[in-house]
Amino acid sequence: MNKYELAVVVSAKVEDEERAAVIERVKELIARFGGTVTEVDDWGKRRLAYEIQKMREGFYYFVRFEAAPTAPAEIESRMRIMDNVIRYLCVRQDA
């Protein structure tokens, strides 16, 4: 099992309940592919470096998890089509 960090930027136009639902779906995806979530870090609303889909702000979340080496590719393929997710990035953490 490798350690990973998934950065997720959620649209600032959605309500609090929808944002929480997006993060819950991300956690469910990780669990579905055999991973275990160790920490979810909520950075709140931040200004984006550049405009994305006519938005200048987004909510940043960092999800740390442990999973098999094949899991991140599966998770990213599902996140690509998720509503309200502007950007995402999954990186492996060195031990």
Protein backbone atom coordinates (compact mmCIF):
# COMPACT_ATOMS: atom_id res chain seq x y z
CA MET A 1 0.00 0.00 0.00
CA ASN A 2 1.32 3.40 -1.03
CA LYS A 3 0.44 6.75 0.51
CA TYR A 4 -1.25 9.32 -1.71
CA GLU A 5 -2.56 12.86 -1.49
CA LEU A 6 -5.52 13.92 -3.61
CA ALA A 7 -6.09 17.65 -4.09
CA VAL A 8 -9.66 18.51 -5.08
CA VAL A 9 -10.97 21.95 -6.08
CA VAL A 10 -14.76 22.15 -5.79
CA SER A 11 -16.84 24.85 -7.48
CA ALA A 12 -17.56 27.89 -5.30
CA LYS A 13 -21.06 28.13 -6.79
CA VAL A 14 -22.42 25.08 -4.94
CA GLU A 15 -24.05 24.99 -1.51
CA ASP A 16 -22.43 23.53 1.63
CA GLU A 17 -24.44 20.29 1.45
CA GLU A 18 -23.42 19.67 -2.16
CA ARG A 19 -19.75 20.30 -1.33
CA ALA A 20 -19.94 17.82 1.52
CA ALA A 21 -21.59 15.31 -0.81
CA VAL A 22 -18.76 15.70 -3.35
CA ILE A 23 -16.13 14.95 -0.70
CA GLU A 24 -18.17 11.97 0.54
CA ARG A 25 -18.29 10.62 -3.03
CA VAL A 26 -14.50 11.00 -3.25
CA LYS A 27 -14.10 9.03 0.00
CA GLU A 28 -16.45 6.34 -1.32
CA LEU A 29 -14.41 6.09 -4.53
CA ILE A 30 -11.23 5.59 -2.52
CA ALA A 31 -12.89 2.90 -0.40
CA ARG A 32 -14.36 1.18 -3.48
CA PHE A 33 -10.88 0.66 -4.93
CA GLY A 34 -9.44 -0.73 -1.69
CA GLY A 35 -8.04 2.44 -0.19
CA THR A 36 -8.36 3.85 3.31
CA VAL A 37 -8.74 7.57 3.94
CA THR A 38 -6.39 8.78 6.67
CA GLU A 39 -7.11 12.52 6.67
CA VAL A 40 -9.26 15.15 4.96
CA ASP A 41 -7.90 18.69 5.12
CA ASP A 42 -10.36 21.50 4.30
CA TRP A 43 -8.61 24.69 3.23
CA GLY A 44 -11.84 26.53 2.53
CA LYS A 45 -12.53 29.06 -0.20
CA ARG A 46 -9.44 30.30 -2.04
CA ARG A 47 -8.76 32.41 -5.07
CA LEU A 48 -7.70 30.39 -8.11
CA ALA A 49 -4.40 31.14 -9.84
CA TYR A 50 -6.30 31.65 -13.09
CA GLU A 51 -9.92 31.67 -14.19
CA ILE A 52 -11.43 28.21 -14.75
CA GLN A 53 -14.90 27.86 -16.30
CA LYS A 54 -15.52 31.58 -15.63
CA MET A 55 -14.83 31.08 -11.89
CA ARG A 56 -12.19 32.89 -9.90
CA GLU A 57 -12.62 31.02 -6.58
CA GLY A 58 -12.96 27.43 -5.44
CA PHE A 59 -13.03 25.32 -2.29
CA TYR A 60 -9.83 23.35 -1.72
CA TYR A 61 -9.71 19.91 -0.11
CA PHE A 62 -6.72 17.62 0.43
CA VAL A 63 -7.52 13.95 0.99
CA ARG A 64 -4.69 11.72 2.21
CA PHE A 65 -5.15 7.98 1.75
CA GLU A 66 -3.40 4.65 1.42
CA ALA A 67 -4.14 2.42 -1.55
CA ALA A 68 -2.74 -0.07 -4.02
CA PRO A 69 -0.67 1.32 -6.92
CA THR A 70 -3.54 0.80 -9.39
CA ALA A 71 -6.14 2.75 -7.37
CA PRO A 72 -5.18 6.37 -8.27
CA ALA A 73 -5.73 5.81 -12.00
CA GLU A 74 -9.19 4.37 -11.32
CA ILE A 75 -10.08 7.19 -8.92
CA GLU A 76 -8.93 9.88 -11.37
CA SER A 77 -10.92 8.35 -14.22
CA ARG A 78 -14.08 8.60 -12.08
CA MET A 79 -13.31 12.12 -10.82
CA ARG A 80 -12.90 13.38 -14.38
CA ILE A 81 -16.69 13.13 -14.89
CA MET A 82 -17.82 14.29 -11.43
CA ASP A 83 -20.00 17.39 -11.33
CA ASN A 84 -18.79 20.41 -9.34
CA VAL A 85 -15.13 19.27 -9.35
CA ILE A 86 -13.12 21.93 -11.16
CA ARG A 87 -9.65 20.38 -10.81
CA TYR A 88 -8.02 17.42 -9.08
CA LEU A 89 -4.51 16.05 -8.71
CA CYS A 90 -3.37 12.82 -7.12
CA VAL A 91 0.29 12.45 -6.11
CA ARG A 92 2.19 9.74 -4.30
CA GLN A 93 3.77 10.78 -1.03
CA ASP A 94 7.31 9.61 -0.36
CA ALA A 95 7.80 7.74 2.89
